[in-house]
PDB file of all heavy atoms in Angstrom:
ATOM      1  N   PRO A   1     115.640  94.077  93.211  1.00  0.00           N
ATOM      2  CA  PRO A   1     115.825  92.630  93.056  1.00  0.00           C
ATOM      3  C   PRO A   1     117.225  92.182  93.434  1.00  0.00           C
ATOM      4  O   PRO A   1     118.209  92.938  93.231  1.00  0.00           O
ATOM      5  CB  PRO A   1     115.546  92.385  91.586  1.00  0.00           C
ATOM      6  CG  PRO A   1     115.798  93.692  90.916  1.00  0.00           C
ATOM      7  CD  PRO A   1     115.403  94.730  91.915  1.00  0.00           C
ATOM      8  N   ALA A   2     117.347  90.983  93.974  1.00  0.00           N
ATOM      9  CA  ALA A   2     118.656  90.461  94.397  1.00  0.00           C
ATOM     10  C   ALA A   2     119.646  90.424  93.241  1.00  0.00           C
ATOM     11  O   ALA A   2     120.852  90.584  93.433  1.00  0.00           O
ATOM     12  CB  ALA A   2     118.474  89.059  94.975  1.00  0.00           C
ATOM     13  N   LEU A   3     119.138  90.252  92.021  1.00  0.00           N
ATOM     14  CA  LEU A   3     119.987  90.178  90.846  1.00  0.00           C
ATOM     15  C   LEU A   3     120.853  91.423  90.664  1.00  0.00           C
ATOM     16  O   LEU A   3     121.967  91.337  90.120  1.00  0.00           O
ATOM     17  CB  LEU A   3     119.139  89.956  89.588  1.00  0.00           C
ATOM     18  CG  LEU A   3     119.866  89.637  88.285  1.00  0.00           C
ATOM     19  CD1 LEU A   3     120.487  88.249  88.357  1.00  0.00           C
ATOM     20  CD2 LEU A   3     118.910  89.711  87.109  1.00  0.00           C
ATOM     21  N   THR A   4     120.364  92.593  91.120  1.00  0.00           N
ATOM     22  CA  THR A   4     121.081  93.849  90.891  1.00  0.00           C
ATOM     23  C   THR A   4     121.965  94.248  92.072  1.00  0.00           C
ATOM     24  O   THR A   4     122.573  95.301  92.064  1.00  0.00           O
ATOM     25  CB  THR A   4     120.101  95.005  90.604  1.00  0.00           C
ATOM     26  OG1 THR A   4     119.245  95.200  91.748  1.00  0.00           O
ATOM     27  CG2 THR A   4     119.237  94.691  89.386  1.00  0.00           C
ATOM     28  N   ALA A   5     122.052  93.394  93.090  1.00  0.00           N
ATOM     29  CA  ALA A   5     122.895  93.729  94.268  1.00  0.00           C
ATOM     30  C   ALA A   5     124.365  93.747  93.851  1.00  0.00           C
ATOM     31  O   ALA A   5     124.808  92.979  92.995  1.00  0.00           O
ATOM     32  CB  ALA A   5     122.687  92.689  95.360  1.00  0.00           C
ATOM     33  N   ASP A   6     125.119  94.633  94.459  1.00  0.00           N
ATOM     34  CA  ASP A   6     126.546  94.773  94.178  1.00  0.00           C
ATOM     35  C   ASP A   6     127.318  93.718  94.957  1.00  0.00           C
ATOM     36  O   ASP A   6     127.668  93.930  96.134  1.00  0.00           O
ATOM     37  CB  ASP A   6     127.015  96.187  94.549  1.00  0.00           C
ATOM     38  CG  ASP A   6     128.486  96.429  94.173  1.00  0.00           C
ATOM     39  OD1 ASP A   6     129.020  95.640  93.386  1.00  0.00           O
ATOM     40  OD2 ASP A   6     129.086  97.411  94.675  1.00  0.00           O
ATOM     41  N   LEU A   7     127.570  92.584  94.325  1.00  0.00           N
ATOM     42  CA  LEU A   7     128.192  91.458  94.997  1.00  0.00           C
ATOM     43  C   LEU A   7     129.469  91.026  94.289  1.00  0.00           C
ATOM     44  O   LEU A   7     129.617  91.223  93.083  1.00  0.00           O
ATOM     45  CB  LEU A   7     127.233  90.263  95.046  1.00  0.00           C
ATOM     46  CG  LEU A   7     125.850  90.468  95.686  1.00  0.00           C
ATOM     47  CD1 LEU A   7     125.015  89.207  95.547  1.00  0.00           C
ATOM     48  CD2 LEU A   7     126.000  90.856  97.160  1.00  0.00           C
ATOM     49  N   SER A   8     130.365  90.432  95.052  1.00  0.00           N
ATOM     50  CA  SER A   8     131.579  89.860  94.456  1.00  0.00           C
ATOM     51  C   SER A   8     131.206  88.535  93.785  1.00  0.00           C
ATOM     52  O   SER A   8     130.098  88.011  93.988  1.00  0.00           O
ATOM     53  CB  SER A   8     132.628  89.592  95.549  1.00  0.00           C
ATOM     54  OG  SER A   8     132.189  88.570  96.422  1.00  0.00           O
ATOM     55  N   ASP A   9     132.125  87.977  92.986  1.00  0.00           N
ATOM     56  CA  ASP A   9     131.875  86.709  92.333  1.00  0.00           C
ATOM     57  C   ASP A   9     131.582  85.604  93.354  1.00  0.00           C
ATOM     58  O   ASP A   9     130.686  84.768  93.151  1.00  0.00           O
ATOM     59  CB  ASP A   9     133.051  86.297  91.449  1.00  0.00           C
ATOM     60  CG  ASP A   9     133.183  87.197  90.236  1.00  0.00           C
ATOM     61  OD1 ASP A   9     132.195  87.891  89.881  1.00  0.00           O
ATOM     62  OD2 ASP A   9     134.275  87.221  89.610  1.00  0.00           O
ATOM     63  N   ASP A  10     132.328  85.602  94.443  1.00  0.00           N
ATOM     64  CA  ASP A  10     132.127  84.586  95.475  1.00  0.00           C
ATOM     65  C   ASP A  10     130.769  84.757  96.157  1.00  0.00           C
ATOM     66  O   ASP A  10     130.083  83.772  96.461  1.00  0.00           O
ATOM     67  CB  ASP A  10     133.247  84.672  96.537  1.00  0.00           C
ATOM     68  CG  ASP A  10     134.568  84.118  96.025  1.00  0.00           C
ATOM     69  OD1 ASP A  10     134.554  83.386  95.015  1.00  0.00           O
ATOM     70  OD2 ASP A  10     135.619  84.430  96.630  1.00  0.00           O
ATOM     71  N   GLU A  11     130.394  86.005  96.405  1.00  0.00           N
ATOM     72  CA  GLU A  11     129.082  86.257  97.016  1.00  0.00           C
ATOM     73  C   GLU A  11     127.944  85.852  96.095  1.00  0.00           C
ATOM     74  O   GLU A  11     126.932  85.295  96.535  1.00  0.00           O
ATOM     75  CB  GLU A  11     128.960  87.734  97.405  1.00  0.00           C
ATOM     76  CG  GLU A  11     129.820  88.125  98.613  1.00  0.00           C
ATOM     77  CD  GLU A  11     129.837  89.621  98.823  1.00  0.00           C
ATOM     78  OE1 GLU A  11     129.722  90.399  97.828  1.00  0.00           O
ATOM     79  OE2 GLU A  11     129.956  90.048  99.985  1.00  0.00           O
ATOM     80  N   ARG A  12     128.138  86.121  94.794  1.00  0.00           N
ATOM     81  CA  ARG A  12     127.082  85.771  93.827  1.00  0.00           C
ATOM     82  C   ARG A  12     126.937  84.243  93.742  1.00  0.00           C
ATOM     83  O   ARG A  12     125.853  83.714  93.608  1.00  0.00           O
ATOM     84  CB  ARG A  12     127.430  86.378  92.465  1.00  0.00           C
ATOM     85  CG  ARG A  12     126.222  86.562  91.568  1.00  0.00           C
ATOM     86  CD  ARG A  12     126.498  87.569  90.475  1.00  0.00           C
ATOM     87  NE  ARG A  12     126.518  88.923  90.989  1.00  0.00           N
ATOM     88  CZ  ARG A  12     125.461  89.646  91.277  1.00  0.00           C
ATOM     89  NH1 ARG A  12     124.243  89.130  91.151  1.00  0.00           N
ATOM     90  NH2 ARG A  12     125.576  90.883  91.709  1.00  0.00           N
ATOM     91  N   LYS A  13     128.089  83.557  93.818  1.00  0.00           N
ATOM     92  CA  LYS A  13     128.068  82.100  93.798  1.00  0.00           C
ATOM     93  C   LYS A  13     127.343  81.560  95.024  1.00  0.00           C
ATOM     94  O   LYS A  13     126.538  80.629  94.938  1.00  0.00           O
ATOM     95  CB  LYS A  13     129.499  81.575  93.736  1.00  0.00           C
ATOM     96  CG  LYS A  13     129.598  80.081  93.542  1.00  0.00           C
ATOM     97  CD  LYS A  13     131.048  79.646  93.407  1.00  0.00           C
ATOM     98  CE  LYS A  13     131.143  78.135  93.234  1.00  0.00           C
ATOM     99  NZ  LYS A  13     132.580  77.694  93.134  1.00  0.00           N
ATOM    100  N   LEU A  14     127.623  82.164  96.176  1.00  0.00           N
ATOM    101  CA  LEU A  14     126.969  81.740  97.433  1.00  0.00           C
ATOM    102  C   LEU A  14     125.469  82.034  97.371  1.00  0.00           C
ATOM    103  O   LEU A  14     124.662  81.251  97.869  1.00  0.00           O
ATOM    104  CB  LEU A  14     127.603  82.458  98.618  1.00  0.00           C
ATOM    105  CG  LEU A  14     127.024  82.151 100.008  1.00  0.00           C
ATOM    106  CD1 LEU A  14     127.094  80.661 100.325  1.00  0.00           C
ATOM    107  CD2 LEU A  14     127.755  82.976 101.075  1.00  0.00           C
ATOM    108  N   MET A  15     125.108  83.160  96.753  1.00  0.00           N
ATOM    109  CA  MET A  15     123.700  83.551  96.700  1.00  0.00           C
ATOM    110  C   MET A  15     122.868  82.527  95.915  1.00  0.00           C
ATOM    111  O   MET A  15     121.671  82.365  96.172  1.00  0.00           O
ATOM    112  CB  MET A  15     123.555  84.926  96.050  1.00  0.00           C
ATOM    113  CG  MET A  15     122.116  85.459  96.108  1.00  0.00           C
ATOM    114  SD  MET A  15     121.942  87.136  95.404  1.00  0.00           S
ATOM    115  CE  MET A  15     122.067  86.807  93.645  1.00  0.00           C
ATOM    116  N   LYS A  16     123.495  81.814  94.981  1.00  0.00           N
ATOM    117  CA  LYS A  16     122.751  80.797  94.224  1.00  0.00           C
ATOM    118  C   LYS A  16     122.173  79.740  95.154  1.00  0.00           C
ATOM    119  O   LYS A  16     121.098  79.184  94.883  1.00  0.00           O
ATOM    120  CB  LYS A  16     123.659  80.150  93.177  1.00  0.00           C
ATOM    121  CG  LYS A  16     123.942  81.042  91.981  1.00  0.00           C
ATOM    122  CD  LYS A  16     124.739  80.310  90.922  1.00  0.00           C
ATOM    123  CE  LYS A  16     124.981  81.197  89.716  1.00  0.00           C
ATOM    124  NZ  LYS A  16     125.764  80.503  88.666  1.00  0.00           N
ATOM    125  N   SER A  17     122.886  79.460  96.256  1.00  0.00           N
ATOM    126  CA  SER A  17     122.405  78.442  97.187  1.00  0.00           C
ATOM    127  C   SER A  17     121.201  78.943  98.011  1.00  0.00           C
ATOM    128  O   SER A  17     120.547  78.184  98.680  1.00  0.00           O
ATOM    129  CB  SER A  17     123.532  78.009  98.140  1.00  0.00           C
ATOM    130  OG  SER A  17     123.894  79.075  99.017  1.00  0.00           O
ATOM    131  N   PHE A  18     120.916  80.249  97.927  1.00  0.00           N
ATOM    132  CA  PHE A  18     119.752  80.824  98.612  1.00  0.00           C
ATOM    133  C   PHE A  18     118.465  80.631  97.800  1.00  0.00           C
ATOM    134  O   PHE A  18     117.375  80.770  98.333  1.00  0.00           O
ATOM    135  CB  PHE A  18     119.949  82.336  98.834  1.00  0.00           C
ATOM    136  CG  PHE A  18     120.936  82.708  99.911  1.00  0.00           C
ATOM    137  CD1 PHE A  18     121.954  81.836 100.304  1.00  0.00           C
ATOM    138  CD2 PHE A  18     120.871  83.949 100.539  1.00  0.00           C
ATOM    139  CE1 PHE A  18     122.869  82.194 101.290  1.00  0.00           C
ATOM    140  CE2 PHE A  18     121.763  84.309 101.525  1.00  0.00           C
ATOM    141  CZ  PHE A  18     122.768  83.427 101.907  1.00  0.00           C
ATOM    142  N   PHE A  19     118.618  80.326  96.504  1.00  0.00           N
ATOM    143  CA  PHE A  19     117.464  80.133  95.591  1.00  0.00           C
ATOM    144  C   PHE A  19     116.495  81.299  95.660  1.00  0.00           C
ATOM    145  O   PHE A  19     115.259  81.124  95.802  1.00  0.00           O
ATOM    146  CB  PHE A  19     116.740  78.810  95.913  1.00  0.00           C
ATOM    147  CG  PHE A  19     117.598  77.606  95.692  1.00  0.00           C
ATOM    148  CD1 PHE A  19     118.180  76.946  96.773  1.00  0.00           C
ATOM    149  CD2 PHE A  19     117.833  77.138  94.428  1.00  0.00           C
ATOM    150  CE1 PHE A  19     118.993  75.849  96.578  1.00  0.00           C
ATOM    151  CE2 PHE A  19     118.617  76.014  94.207  1.00  0.00           C
ATOM    152  CZ  PHE A  19     119.206  75.367  95.285  1.00  0.00           C
ATOM    153  N   LEU A  20     117.032  82.506  95.556  1.00  0.00           N
ATOM    154  CA  LEU A  20     116.194  83.705  95.636  1.00  0.00           C
ATOM    155  C   LEU A  20     115.415  83.919  94.338  1.00  0.00           C
ATOM    156  O   LEU A  20     115.958  83.781  93.253  1.00  0.00           O
ATOM    157  CB  LEU A  20     117.030  84.939  95.956  1.00  0.00           C
ATOM    158  CG  LEU A  20     117.778  84.886  97.293  1.00  0.00           C
ATOM    159  CD1 LEU A  20     118.559  86.158  97.489  1.00  0.00           C
ATOM    160  CD2 LEU A  20     116.798  84.666  98.444  1.00  0.00           C
ATOM    161  N   LEU A  21     114.163  84.268  94.458  1.00  0.00           N
ATOM    162  CA  LEU A  21     113.299  84.456  93.312  1.00  0.00           C
ATOM    163  C   LEU A  21     113.722  85.643  92.466  1.00  0.00           C
ATOM    164  O   LEU A  21     113.708  85.591  91.245  1.00  0.00           O
ATOM    165  CB  LEU A  21     111.837  84.640  93.771  1.00  0.00           C
ATOM    166  CG  LEU A  21     111.271  83.518  94.627  1.00  0.00           C
ATOM    167  CD1 LEU A  21     109.900  83.898  95.160  1.00  0.00           C
ATOM    168  CD2 LEU A  21     111.172  82.228  93.826  1.00  0.00           C
ATOM    169  N   SER A  22     114.088  86.748  93.127  1.00  0.00           N
ATOM    170  CA  SER A  22     114.491  87.958  92.387  1.00  0.00           C
ATOM    171  C   SER A  22     115.954  87.911  91.983  1.00  0.00           C
ATOM    172  O   SER A  22     116.460  88.882  91.419  1.00  0.00           O
ATOM    173  CB  SER A  22     114.196  89.219  93.230  1.00  0.00           C
ATOM    174  OG  SER A  22     115.078  89.264  94.353  1.00  0.00           O
ATOM    175  N   GLY A  23     116.590  86.799  92.244  1.00  0.00           N
ATOM    176  CA  GLY A  23     117.992  86.625  91.854  1.00  0.00           C
ATOM    177  C   GLY A  23     118.151  85.887  90.537  1.00  0.00           C
ATOM    178  O   GLY A  23     119.266  85.665  90.069  1.00  0.00           O
ATOM    179  N   LYS A  24     117.027  85.478  89.937  1.00  0.00           N
ATOM    180  CA  LYS A  24     117.077  84.721  88.678  1.00  0.00           C
ATOM    181  C   LYS A  24     117.183  85.662  87.496  1.00  0.00           C
ATOM    182  O   LYS A  24     116.564  86.746  87.481  1.00  0.00           O
ATOM    183  CB  LYS A  24     115.820  83.852  88.556  1.00  0.00           C
ATOM    184  CG  LYS A  24     115.718  82.789  89.633  1.00  0.00           C
ATOM    185  CD  LYS A  24     114.468  81.952  89.452  1.00  0.00           C
ATOM    186  CE  LYS A  24     114.333  80.949  90.599  1.00  0.00           C
ATOM    187  NZ  LYS A  24     115.403  79.929  90.598  1.00  0.00           N
TER     188      LYS A  24
END
C-alpha cells in the first residue's frame, strides 16, 4: 500500500494530492 512507502515529509504531502486509495 502507498501508505507504507518510504517517503519524505514533502513527498508524503505531495502524495495527498494524488488521492490514492491505499494511501489512506
